[in-house]
Amino acid sequence: MHPMIKRSGVSFFAILAVMQFYSGMQGSFVGALLAAFVLSLINVSLKPVLLVLTLPINILTLGIFTLFVNAICLWLTDVIVPRFAVNSAFWGAFWISIITLFINTFIVDRRS
């Protein structure tokens, strides 16, 4: 399976899960699907540039500033996708990161 498809799938399930328990993120099923695809595209294209630009502050904060970079990516997704809304990009990015970590660690087969 192509890595972009796998990444989009993991993002989709993480977004759906967060939408279930976090009231600050709303959207339809189609909105979550579009948001996962757009977020994956942003994570592949823009996030590496942002991480390089914020490298000094990321080193000073021992990597915690990466959560703010994730929040910027989620906010851009909110701006681009019409059927998807996030009230607090920081907390949305936090919960998506936690669930994505869980899915990638315990569910997704890393060998394929």
PDB file of N, CA and C in Angstrom:
ATOM      1  N   MET A   1       0.843  -1.173   0.000  1.00  0.00           N
ATOM      2  CA  MET A   1       0.000   0.000   0.000  1.00  0.00           C
ATOM      3  C   MET A   1       0.891   1.239   0.000  1.00  0.00           C
ATOM      4  N   HIS A   2       0.480   2.237  -0.739  1.00  0.00           N
ATOM      5  CA  HIS A   2       1.251   3.479  -0.846  1.00  0.00           C
ATOM      6  C   HIS A   2       1.273   4.195   0.509  1.00  0.00           C
ATOM      7  N   PRO A   3       2.421   4.730   0.914  1.00  0.00           N
ATOM      8  CA  PRO A   3       2.522   5.399   2.225  1.00  0.00           C
ATOM      9  C   PRO A   3       1.550   6.573   2.387  1.00  0.00           C
ATOM     10  N   MET A   4       1.281   7.293   1.301  1.00  0.00           N
ATOM     11  CA  MET A   4       0.349   8.428   1.399  1.00  0.00           C
ATOM     12  C   MET A   4      -1.066   7.947   1.715  1.00  0.00           C
ATOM     13  N   ILE A   5      -1.463   6.829   1.158  1.00  0.00           N
ATOM     14  CA  ILE A   5      -2.789   6.273   1.427  1.00  0.00           C
ATOM     15  C   ILE A   5      -2.859   5.804   2.878  1.00  0.00           C
ATOM     16  N   LYS A   6      -1.795   5.156   3.336  1.00  0.00           N
ATOM     17  CA  LYS A   6      -1.758   4.690   4.723  1.00  0.00           C
ATOM     18  C   LYS A   6      -1.799   5.874   5.684  1.00  0.00           C
ATOM     19  N   ARG A   7      -1.035   6.923   5.387  1.00  0.00           N
ATOM     20  CA  ARG A   7      -1.010   8.115   6.238  1.00  0.00           C
ATOM     21  C   ARG A   7      -2.377   8.802   6.272  1.00  0.00           C
ATOM     22  N   SER A   8      -3.018   8.883   5.113  1.00  0.00           N
ATOM     23  CA  SER A   8      -4.348   9.490   5.048  1.00  0.00           C
ATOM     24  C   SER A   8      -5.365   8.659   5.826  1.00  0.00           C
ATOM     25  N   GLY A   9      -5.252   7.341   5.748  1.00  0.00           N
ATOM     26  CA  GLY A   9      -6.161   6.468   6.485  1.00  0.00           C
ATOM     27  C   GLY A   9      -6.006   6.612   7.987  1.00  0.00           C
ATOM     28  N   VAL A  10      -4.777   6.656   8.438  1.00  0.00           N
ATOM     29  CA  VAL A  10      -4.523   6.836   9.872  1.00  0.00           C
ATOM     30  C   VAL A  10      -5.044   8.198  10.324  1.00  0.00           C
ATOM     31  N   SER A  11      -4.792   9.234   9.531  1.00  0.00           N
ATOM     32  CA  SER A  11      -5.289  10.569   9.866  1.00  0.00           C
ATOM     33  C   SER A  11      -6.813  10.589   9.897  1.00  0.00           C
ATOM     34  N   PHE A  12      -7.438   9.895   8.964  1.00  0.00           N
ATOM     35  CA  PHE A  12      -8.900   9.848   8.907  1.00  0.00           C
ATOM     36  C   PHE A  12      -9.471   9.237  10.182  1.00  0.00           C
ATOM     37  N   PHE A  13      -8.951   8.092  10.597  1.00  0.00           N
ATOM     38  CA  PHE A  13      -9.461   7.457  11.806  1.00  0.00           C
ATOM     39  C   PHE A  13      -9.150   8.286  13.051  1.00  0.00           C
ATOM     40  N   ALA A  14      -8.002   8.949  13.075  1.00  0.00           N
ATOM     41  CA  ALA A  14      -7.674   9.810  14.211  1.00  0.00           C
ATOM     42  C   ALA A  14      -8.618  11.011  14.268  1.00  0.00           C
ATOM     43  N   ILE A  15      -8.910  11.612  13.116  1.00  0.00           N
ATOM     44  CA  ILE A  15      -9.833  12.754  13.079  1.00  0.00           C
ATOM     45  C   ILE A  15     -11.223  12.319  13.494  1.00  0.00           C
ATOM     46  N   LEU A  16     -11.687  11.174  12.993  1.00  0.00           N
ATOM     47  CA  LEU A  16     -13.010  10.669  13.393  1.00  0.00           C
ATOM     48  C   LEU A  16     -13.076  10.425  14.893  1.00  0.00           C
ATOM     49  N   ALA A  17     -12.031   9.838  15.448  1.00  0.00           N
ATOM     50  CA  ALA A  17     -12.015   9.565  16.884  1.00  0.00           C
ATOM     51  C   ALA A  17     -12.038  10.857  17.689  1.00  0.00           C
ATOM     52  N   VAL A  18     -11.243  11.821  17.289  1.00  0.00           N
ATOM     53  CA  VAL A  18     -11.208  13.101  18.012  1.00  0.00           C
ATOM     54  C   VAL A  18     -12.552  13.814  17.901  1.00  0.00           C
ATOM     55  N   MET A  19     -13.184  13.740  16.732  1.00  0.00           N
ATOM     56  CA  MET A  19     -14.491  14.390  16.560  1.00  0.00           C
ATOM     57  C   MET A  19     -15.549  13.786  17.485  1.00  0.00           C
ATOM     58  N   GLN A  20     -15.352  12.542  17.915  1.00  0.00           N
ATOM     59  CA  GLN A  20     -16.314  11.881  18.788  1.00  0.00           C
ATOM     60  C   GLN A  20     -16.241  12.369  20.235  1.00  0.00           C
ATOM     61  N   PHE A  21     -15.046  12.674  20.730  1.00  0.00           N
ATOM     62  CA  PHE A  21     -14.933  13.033  22.148  1.00  0.00           C
ATOM     63  C   PHE A  21     -14.493  14.471  22.401  1.00  0.00           C
ATOM     64  N   TYR A  22     -14.049  15.175  21.386  1.00  0.00           N
ATOM     65  CA  TYR A  22     -13.594  16.558  21.578  1.00  0.00           C
ATOM     66  C   TYR A  22     -14.571  17.489  20.871  1.00  0.00           C
ATOM     67  N   SER A  23     -15.281  18.279  21.639  1.00  0.00           N
ATOM     68  CA  SER A  23     -16.316  19.145  21.072  1.00  0.00           C
ATOM     69  C   SER A  23     -15.749  20.297  20.253  1.00  0.00           C
ATOM     70  N   GLY A  24     -14.470  20.533  20.322  1.00  0.00           N
ATOM     71  CA  GLY A  24     -13.860  21.620  19.575  1.00  0.00           C
ATOM     72  C   GLY A  24     -13.567  21.285  18.123  1.00  0.00           C
ATOM     73  N   MET A  25     -13.919  20.095  17.693  1.00  0.00           N
ATOM     74  CA  MET A  25     -13.698  19.695  16.307  1.00  0.00           C
ATOM     75  C   MET A  25     -15.001  19.107  15.774  1.00  0.00           C
ATOM     76  N   GLN A  26     -15.545  19.749  14.743  1.00  0.00           N
ATOM     77  CA  GLN A  26     -16.792  19.291  14.153  1.00  0.00           C
ATOM     78  C   GLN A  26     -16.615  19.091  12.660  1.00  0.00           C
ATOM     79  N   GLY A  27     -17.444  18.228  12.132  1.00  0.00           N
ATOM     80  CA  GLY A  27     -17.431  18.008  10.698  1.00  0.00           C
ATOM     81  C   GLY A  27     -18.246  16.790  10.332  1.00  0.00           C
ATOM     82  N   SER A  28     -18.505  16.654   9.064  1.00  0.00           N
ATOM     83  CA  SER A  28     -19.223  15.493   8.570  1.00  0.00           C
ATOM     84  C   SER A  28     -18.232  14.377   8.265  1.00  0.00           C
ATOM     85  N   PHE A  29     -18.772  13.228   7.884  1.00  0.00           N
ATOM     86  CA  PHE A  29     -17.933  12.106   7.487  1.00  0.00           C
ATOM     87  C   PHE A  29     -17.082  12.487   6.277  1.00  0.00           C
ATOM     88  N   VAL A  30     -17.719  13.126   5.300  1.00  0.00           N
ATOM     89  CA  VAL A  30     -17.000  13.572   4.093  1.00  0.00           C
ATOM     90  C   VAL A  30     -15.986  14.648   4.461  1.00  0.00           C
ATOM     91  N   GLY A  31     -16.352  15.538   5.379  1.00  0.00           N
ATOM     92  CA  GLY A  31     -15.415  16.567   5.834  1.00  0.00           C
ATOM     93  C   GLY A  31     -14.194  15.967   6.500  1.00  0.00           C
ATOM     94  N   ALA A  32     -14.416  14.914   7.308  1.00  0.00           N
ATOM     95  CA  ALA A  32     -13.284  14.239   7.956  1.00  0.00           C
ATOM     96  C   ALA A  32     -12.402  13.553   6.925  1.00  0.00           C
ATOM     97  N   LEU A  33     -13.013  12.974   5.907  1.00  0.00           N
ATOM     98  CA  LEU A  33     -12.243  12.317   4.852  1.00  0.00           C
ATOM     99  C   LEU A  33     -11.404  13.330   4.077  1.00  0.00           C
ATOM    100  N   LEU A  34     -12.012  14.455   3.709  1.00  0.00           N
ATOM    101  CA  LEU A  34     -11.275  15.515   3.017  1.00  0.00           C
ATOM    102  C   LEU A  34     -10.193  16.111   3.909  1.00  0.00           C
ATOM    103  N   ALA A  35     -10.528  16.305   5.178  1.00  0.00           N
ATOM    104  CA  ALA A  35      -9.554  16.869   6.115  1.00  0.00           C
ATOM    105  C   ALA A  35      -8.350  15.948   6.275  1.00  0.00           C
ATOM    106  N   ALA A  36      -8.589  14.642   6.330  1.00  0.00           N
ATOM    107  CA  ALA A  36      -7.469  13.694   6.453  1.00  0.00           C
ATOM    108  C   ALA A  36      -6.572  13.760   5.231  1.00  0.00           C
ATOM    109  N   PHE A  37      -7.164  13.853   4.049  1.00  0.00           N
ATOM    110  CA  PHE A  37      -6.368  13.922   2.828  1.00  0.00           C
ATOM    111  C   PHE A  37      -5.576  15.225   2.769  1.00  0.00           C
ATOM    112  N   VAL A  38      -6.236  16.347   3.066  1.00  0.00           N
ATOM    113  CA  VAL A  38      -5.565  17.654   3.029  1.00  0.00           C
ATOM    114  C   VAL A  38      -4.483  17.726   4.108  1.00  0.00           C
ATOM    115  N   LEU A  39      -4.789  17.231   5.308  1.00  0.00           N
ATOM    116  CA  LEU A  39      -3.796  17.238   6.382  1.00  0.00           C
ATOM    117  C   LEU A  39      -2.579  16.393   6.000  1.00  0.00           C
ATOM    118  N   SER A  40      -2.810  15.270   5.346  1.00  0.00           N
ATOM    119  CA  SER A  40      -1.684  14.444   4.894  1.00  0.00           C
ATOM    120  C   SER A  40      -0.843  15.175   3.854  1.00  0.00           C
ATOM    121  N   LEU A  41      -1.497  15.872   2.935  1.00  0.00           N
ATOM    122  CA  LEU A  41      -0.755  16.653   1.937  1.00  0.00           C
ATOM    123  C   LEU A  41       0.054  17.771   2.586  1.00  0.00           C
ATOM    124  N   ILE A  42      -0.555  18.446   3.551  1.00  0.00           N
ATOM    125  CA  ILE A  42       0.154  19.519   4.253  1.00  0.00           C
ATOM    126  C   ILE A  42       1.324  18.946   5.048  1.00  0.00           C
ATOM    127  N   ASN A  43       1.111  17.800   5.698  1.00  0.00           N
ATOM    128  CA  ASN A  43       2.183  17.176   6.478  1.00  0.00           C
ATOM    129  C   ASN A  43       3.347  16.721   5.610  1.00  0.00           C
ATOM    130  N   VAL A  44       3.060  16.352   4.371  1.00  0.00           N
ATOM    131  CA  VAL A  44       4.122  15.913   3.473  1.00  0.00           C
ATOM    132  C   VAL A  44       4.845  17.103   2.848  1.00  0.00           C
ATOM    133  N   SER A  45       4.114  18.149   2.505  1.00  0.00           N
ATOM    134  CA  SER A  45       4.714  19.253   1.759  1.00  0.00           C
ATOM    135  C   SER A  45       5.165  20.424   2.635  1.00  0.00           C
ATOM    136  N   LEU A  46       4.317  20.916   3.502  1.00  0.00           N
ATOM    137  CA  LEU A  46       4.610  22.141   4.252  1.00  0.00           C
ATOM    138  C   LEU A  46       5.265  21.891   5.612  1.00  0.00           C
ATOM    139  N   LYS A  47       4.895  20.824   6.278  1.00  0.00           N
ATOM    140  CA  LYS A  47       5.404  20.577   7.628  1.00  0.00           C
ATOM    141  C   LYS A  47       6.933  20.465   7.691  1.00  0.00           C
ATOM    142  N   PRO A  48       7.593  19.774   6.743  1.00  0.00           N
ATOM    143  CA  PRO A  48       9.060  19.736   6.820  1.00  0.00           C
ATOM    144  C   PRO A  48       9.698  21.119   6.728  1.00  0.00           C
ATOM    145  N   VAL A  49       9.130  21.995   5.912  1.00  0.00           N
ATOM    146  CA  VAL A  49       9.650  23.363   5.790  1.00  0.00           C
ATOM    147  C   VAL A  49       9.473  24.104   7.112  1.00  0.00           C
ATOM    148  N   LEU A  50       8.290  23.965   7.717  1.00  0.00           N
ATOM    149  CA  LEU A  50       8.043  24.626   9.002  1.00  0.00           C
ATOM    150  C   LEU A  50       8.973  24.091  10.091  1.00  0.00           C
ATOM    151  N   LEU A  51       9.215  22.781  10.070  1.00  0.00           N
ATOM    152  CA  LEU A  51      10.111  22.207  11.082  1.00  0.00           C
ATOM    153  C   LEU A  51      11.541  22.709  10.926  1.00  0.00           C
ATOM    154  N   VAL A  52      11.993  22.881   9.694  1.00  0.00           N
ATOM    155  CA  VAL A  52      13.345  23.406   9.478  1.00  0.00           C
ATOM    156  C   VAL A  52      13.418  24.870   9.909  1.00  0.00           C
ATOM    157  N   LEU A  53      12.389  25.652   9.579  1.00  0.00           N
ATOM    158  CA  LEU A  53      12.387  27.065   9.949  1.00  0.00           C
ATOM    159  C   LEU A  53      12.319  27.275  11.462  1.00  0.00           C
ATOM    160  N   THR A  54      11.668  26.366  12.167  1.00  0.00           N
ATOM    161  CA  THR A  54      11.520  26.506  13.617  1.00  0.00           C
ATOM    162  C   THR A  54      12.489  25.617  14.392  1.00  0.00           C
ATOM    163  N   LEU A  55      13.520  25.121  13.727  1.00  0.00           N
ATOM    164  CA  LEU A  55      14.460  24.207  14.370  1.00  0.00           C
ATOM    165  C   LEU A  55      15.112  24.781  15.637  1.00  0.00           C
ATOM    166  N   PRO A  56      15.582  26.038  15.642  1.00  0.00           N
ATOM    167  CA  PRO A  56      16.202  26.539  16.887  1.00  0.00           C
ATOM    168  C   PRO A  56      15.254  26.532  18.091  1.00  0.00           C
ATOM    169  N   ILE A  57      14.026  26.978  17.889  1.00  0.00           N
ATOM    170  CA  ILE A  57      13.081  26.987  19.020  1.00  0.00           C
ATOM    171  C   ILE A  57      12.652  25.570  19.370  1.00  0.00           C
ATOM    172  N   ASN A  58      12.627  24.701  18.379  1.00  0.00           N
ATOM    173  CA  ASN A  58      12.284  23.303  18.637  1.00  0.00           C
ATOM    174  C   ASN A  58      13.373  22.636  19.475  1.00  0.00           C
ATOM    175  N   ILE A  59      14.613  22.971  19.220  1.00  0.00           N
ATOM    176  CA  ILE A  59      15.715  22.421  20.016  1.00  0.00           C
ATOM    177  C   ILE A  59      15.649  22.961  21.447  1.00  0.00           C
ATOM    178  N   LEU A  60      15.366  24.255  21.586  1.00  0.00           N
ATOM    179  CA  LEU A  60      15.279  24.857  22.920  1.00  0.00           C
ATOM    180  C   LEU A  60      14.142  24.272  23.752  1.00  0.00           C
ATOM    181  N   THR A  61      13.044  23.895  23.096  1.00  0.00           N
ATOM    182  CA  THR A  61      11.893  23.353  23.829  1.00  0.00           C
ATOM    183  C   THR A  61      11.893  21.827  23.839  1.00  0.00           C
ATOM    184  N   LEU A  62      12.996  21.224  23.400  1.00  0.00           N
ATOM    185  CA  LEU A  62      13.153  19.768  23.371  1.00  0.00           C
ATOM    186  C   LEU A  62      12.062  19.083  22.549  1.00  0.00           C
ATOM    187  N   GLY A  63      11.646  19.722  21.465  1.00  0.00           N
ATOM    188  CA  GLY A  63      10.703  19.130  20.531  1.00  0.00           C
ATOM    189  C   GLY A  63       9.241  19.430  20.785  1.00  0.00           C
ATOM    190  N   ILE A  64       8.947  20.074  21.896  1.00  0.00           N
ATOM    191  CA  ILE A  64       7.544  20.340  22.220  1.00  0.00           C
ATOM    192  C   ILE A  64       6.943  21.366  21.266  1.00  0.00           C
ATOM    193  N   PHE A  65       7.758  22.216  20.670  1.00  0.00           N
ATOM    194  CA  PHE A  65       7.249  23.210  19.721  1.00  0.00           C
ATOM    195  C   PHE A  65       6.659  22.541  18.480  1.00  0.00           C
ATOM    196  N   THR A  66       7.002  21.290  18.251  1.00  0.00           N
ATOM    197  CA  THR A  66       6.426  20.551  17.122  1.00  0.00           C
ATOM    198  C   THR A  66       4.901  20.504  17.234  1.00  0.00           C
ATOM    199  N   LEU A  67       4.387  20.502  18.440  1.00  0.00           N
ATOM    200  CA  LEU A  67       2.930  20.516  18.618  1.00  0.00           C
ATOM    201  C   LEU A  67       2.333  21.793  18.042  1.00  0.00           C
ATOM    202  N   PHE A  68       3.030  22.917  18.148  1.00  0.00           N
ATOM    203  CA  PHE A  68       2.544  24.156  17.557  1.00  0.00           C
ATOM    204  C   PHE A  68       2.604  24.106  16.031  1.00  0.00           C
ATOM    205  N   VAL A  69       3.620  23.440  15.498  1.00  0.00           N
ATOM    206  CA  VAL A  69       3.697  23.243  14.042  1.00  0.00           C
ATOM    207  C   VAL A  69       2.525  22.370  13.592  1.00  0.00           C
ATOM    208  N   ASN A  70       2.205  21.323  14.364  1.00  0.00           N
ATOM    209  CA  ASN A  70       1.051  20.485  14.050  1.00  0.00           C
ATOM    210  C   ASN A  70      -0.238  21.299  14.113  1.00  0.00           C
ATOM    211  N   ALA A  71      -0.332  22.211  15.073  1.00  0.00           N
ATOM    212  CA  ALA A  71      -1.521  23.058  15.185  1.00  0.00           C
ATOM    213  C   ALA A  71      -1.658  23.976  13.972  1.00  0.00           C
ATOM    214  N   ILE A  72      -0.547  24.488  13.477  1.00  0.00           N
ATOM    215  CA  ILE A  72      -0.586  25.322  12.270  1.00  0.00           C
ATOM    216  C   ILE A  72      -1.077  24.503  11.084  1.00  0.00           C
ATOM    217  N   CYS A  73      -0.598  23.284  10.962  1.00  0.00           N
ATOM    218  CA  CYS A  73      -1.041  22.412   9.862  1.00  0.00           C
ATOM    219  C   CYS A  73      -2.530  22.104   9.984  1.00  0.00           C
ATOM    220  N   LEU A  74      -3.019  21.854  11.202  1.00  0.00           N
ATOM    221  CA  LEU A  74      -4.444  21.584  11.398  1.00  0.00           C
ATOM    222  C   LEU A  74      -5.274  22.833  11.121  1.00  0.00           C
ATOM    223  N   TRP A  75      -4.772  23.996  11.513  1.00  0.00           N
ATOM    224  CA  TRP A  75      -5.485  25.241  11.237  1.00  0.00           C
ATOM    225  C   TRP A  75      -5.598  25.473   9.722  1.00  0.00           C
ATOM    226  N   LEU A  76      -4.520  25.215   8.983  1.00  0.00           N
ATOM    227  CA  LEU A  76      -4.576  25.339   7.525  1.00  0.00           C
ATOM    228  C   LEU A  76      -5.587  24.370   6.931  1.00  0.00           C
ATOM    229  N   THR A  77      -5.662  23.179   7.481  1.00  0.00           N
ATOM    230  CA  THR A  77      -6.663  22.213   7.032  1.00  0.00           C
ATOM    231  C   THR A  77      -8.063  22.748   7.286  1.00  0.00           C
ATOM    232  N   ASP A  78      -8.270  23.357   8.438  1.00  0.00           N
ATOM    233  CA  ASP A  78      -9.560  23.963   8.774  1.00  0.00           C
ATOM    234  C   ASP A  78      -9.926  25.059   7.781  1.00  0.00           C
ATOM    235  N   VAL A  79      -8.954  25.850   7.367  1.00  0.00           N
ATOM    236  CA  VAL A  79      -9.189  26.934   6.413  1.00  0.00           C
ATOM    237  C   VAL A  79      -9.542  26.375   5.034  1.00  0.00           C
ATOM    238  N   ILE A  80      -8.901  25.280   4.639  1.00  0.00           N
ATOM    239  CA  ILE A  80      -9.066  24.748   3.285  1.00  0.00           C
ATOM    240  C   ILE A  80     -10.330  23.901   3.137  1.00  0.00           C
ATOM    241  N   VAL A  81     -10.636  23.060   4.111  1.00  0.00           N
ATOM    242  CA  VAL A  81     -11.744  22.100   3.988  1.00  0.00           C
ATOM    243  C   VAL A  81     -13.034  22.749   4.483  1.00  0.00           C
ATOM    244  N   PRO A  82     -14.064  22.818   3.618  1.00  0.00           N
ATOM    245  CA  PRO A  82     -15.294  23.524   3.992  1.00  0.00           C
ATOM    246  C   PRO A  82     -16.166  22.804   5.017  1.00  0.00           C
ATOM    247  N   ARG A  83     -16.192  21.494   5.063  1.00  0.00           N
ATOM    248  CA  ARG A  83     -17.067  20.752   5.979  1.00  0.00           C
ATOM    249  C   ARG A  83     -16.331  20.280   7.217  1.00  0.00           C
ATOM    250  N   PHE A  84     -15.363  21.048   7.643  1.00  0.00           N
ATOM    251  CA  PHE A  84     -14.527  20.672   8.772  1.00  0.00           C
ATOM    252  C   PHE A  84     -14.204  21.927   9.559  1.00  0.00           C
ATOM    253  N   ALA A  85     -14.380  21.892  10.874  1.00  0.00           N
ATOM    254  CA  ALA A  85     -14.122  23.075  11.696  1.00  0.00           C
ATOM    255  C   ALA A  85     -13.409  22.673  12.983  1.00  0.00           C
ATOM    256  N   VAL A  86     -12.418  23.468  13.350  1.00  0.00           N
ATOM    257  CA  VAL A  86     -11.666  23.242  14.583  1.00  0.00           C
ATOM    258  C   VAL A  86     -11.674  24.545  15.366  1.00  0.00           C
ATOM    259  N   ASN A  87     -12.153  24.497  16.605  1.00  0.00           N
ATOM    260  CA  ASN A  87     -12.173  25.700  17.442  1.00  0.00           C
ATOM    261  C   ASN A  87     -10.797  26.008  18.008  1.00  0.00           C
ATOM    262  N   SER A  88     -10.109  24.996  18.492  1.00  0.00           N
ATOM    263  CA  SER A  88      -8.760  25.167  19.034  1.00  0.00           C
ATOM    264  C   SER A  88      -7.830  24.212  18.307  1.00  0.00           C
ATOM    265  N   ALA A  89      -7.039  24.754  17.389  1.00  0.00           N
ATOM    266  CA  ALA A  89      -6.134  23.915  16.605  1.00  0.00           C
ATOM    267  C   ALA A  89      -5.085  23.256  17.494  1.00  0.00           C
ATOM    268  N   PHE A  90      -4.698  23.919  18.578  1.00  0.00           N
ATOM    269  CA  PHE A  90      -3.694  23.343  19.476  1.00  0.00           C
ATOM    270  C   PHE A  90      -4.193  22.037  20.089  1.00  0.00           C
ATOM    271  N   TRP A  91      -5.394  22.073  20.708  1.00  0.00           N
ATOM    272  CA  TRP A  91      -5.916  20.874  21.355  1.00  0.00           C
ATOM    273  C   TRP A  91      -6.322  19.819  20.339  1.00  0.00           C
ATOM    274  N   GLY A  92      -6.824  20.245  19.207  1.00  0.00           N
ATOM    275  CA  GLY A  92      -7.131  19.290  18.146  1.00  0.00           C
ATOM    276  C   GLY A  92      -5.884  18.575  17.672  1.00  0.00           C
ATOM    277  N   ALA A  93      -4.803  19.329  17.467  1.00  0.00           N
ATOM    278  CA  ALA A  93      -3.535  18.734  17.041  1.00  0.00           C
ATOM    279  C   ALA A  93      -2.971  17.822  18.135  1.00  0.00           C
ATOM    280  N   PHE A  94      -3.134  18.220  19.375  1.00  0.00           N
ATOM    281  CA  PHE A  94      -2.667  17.391  20.487  1.00  0.00           C
ATOM    282  C   PHE A  94      -3.354  16.032  20.473  1.00  0.00           C
ATOM    283  N   TRP A  95      -4.687  16.040  20.407  1.00  0.00           N
ATOM    284  CA  TRP A  95      -5.436  14.783  20.442  1.00  0.00           C
ATOM    285  C   TRP A  95      -5.204  13.950  19.187  1.00  0.00           C
ATOM    286  N   ILE A  96      -5.120  14.581  18.032  1.00  0.00           N
ATOM    287  CA  ILE A  96      -4.831  13.839  16.802  1.00  0.00           C
ATOM    288  C   ILE A  96      -3.447  13.192  16.887  1.00  0.00           C
ATOM    289  N   SER A  97      -2.479  13.910  17.448  1.00  0.00           N
ATOM    290  CA  SER A  97      -1.129  13.359  17.604  1.00  0.00           C
ATOM    291  C   SER A  97      -1.125  12.141  18.520  1.00  0.00           C
ATOM    292  N   ILE A  98      -1.850  12.219  19.625  1.00  0.00           N
ATOM    293  CA  ILE A  98      -1.918  11.100  20.577  1.00  0.00           C
ATOM    294  C   ILE A  98      -2.555   9.884  19.923  1.00  0.00           C
ATOM    295  N   ILE A  99      -3.678  10.082  19.244  1.00  0.00           N
ATOM    296  CA  ILE A  99      -4.381   8.953  18.629  1.00  0.00           C
ATOM    297  C   ILE A  99      -3.588   8.392  17.451  1.00  0.00           C
ATOM    298  N   THR A 100      -2.961   9.253  16.674  1.00  0.00           N
ATOM    299  CA  THR A 100      -2.127   8.787  15.563  1.00  0.00           C
ATOM    300  C   THR A 100      -0.953   7.971  16.088  1.00  0.00           C
ATOM    301  N   LEU A 101      -0.342   8.417  17.167  1.00  0.00           N
ATOM    302  CA  LEU A 101       0.748   7.656  17.787  1.00  0.00           C
ATOM    303  C   LEU A 101       0.260   6.273  18.216  1.00  0.00           C
ATOM    304  N   PHE A 102      -0.910   6.225  18.837  1.00  0.00           N
ATOM    305  CA  PHE A 102      -1.487   4.953  19.275  1.00  0.00           C
ATOM    306  C   PHE A 102      -1.751   4.035  18.086  1.00  0.00           C
ATOM    307  N   ILE A 103      -2.389   4.569  17.040  1.00  0.00           N
ATOM    308  CA  ILE A 103      -2.706   3.757  15.854  1.00  0.00           C
ATOM    309  C   ILE A 103      -1.429   3.241  15.204  1.00  0.00           C
ATOM    310  N   ASN A 104      -0.455   4.109  15.026  1.00  0.00           N
ATOM    311  CA  ASN A 104       0.785   3.686  14.373  1.00  0.00           C
ATOM    312  C   ASN A 104       1.581   2.691  15.213  1.00  0.00           C
ATOM    313  N   THR A 105       1.485   2.794  16.523  1.00  0.00           N
ATOM    314  CA  THR A 105       2.252   1.916  17.391  1.00  0.00           C
ATOM    315  C   THR A 105       1.607   0.542  17.548  1.00  0.00           C
ATOM    316  N   PHE A 106       0.303   0.517  17.730  1.00  0.00           N
ATOM    317  CA  PHE A 106      -0.351  -0.742  18.103  1.00  0.00           C
ATOM    318  C   PHE A 106      -1.181  -1.397  17.016  1.00  0.00           C
ATOM    319  N   ILE A 107      -1.579  -0.663  15.996  1.00  0.00           N
ATOM    320  CA  ILE A 107      -2.519  -1.218  15.019  1.00  0.00           C
ATOM    321  C   ILE A 107      -1.905  -1.401  13.636  1.00  0.00           C
ATOM    322  N   VAL A 108      -1.262  -0.376  13.103  1.00  0.00           N
ATOM    323  CA  VAL A 108      -0.758  -0.437  11.744  1.00  0.00           C
ATOM    324  C   VAL A 108       0.467  -1.348  11.679  1.00  0.00           C
ATOM    325  N   ASP A 109       0.462  -2.244  10.703  1.00  0.00           N
ATOM    326  CA  ASP A 109       1.606  -3.132  10.490  1.00  0.00           C
ATOM    327  C   ASP A 109       2.700  -2.341   9.816  1.00  0.00           C
ATOM    328  N   ARG A 110       3.808  -2.119  10.473  1.00  0.00           N
ATOM    329  CA  ARG A 110       4.891  -1.278   9.978  1.00  0.00           C
ATOM    330  C   ARG A 110       5.741  -1.971   8.900  1.00  0.00           C
ATOM    331  N   ARG A 111       5.629  -3.264   8.759  1.00  0.00           N
ATOM    332  CA  ARG A 111       6.457  -3.986   7.796  1.00  0.00           C
ATOM    333  C   ARG A 111       5.982  -3.811   6.372  1.00  0.00           C
ATOM    334  N   SER A 112       4.713  -3.517   6.175  1.00  0.00           N
ATOM    335  CA  SER A 112       4.194  -3.400   4.807  1.00  0.00           C
ATOM    336  C   SER A 112       4.229  -1.992   4.284  1.00  0.00           C
TER     337      SER A 112
END
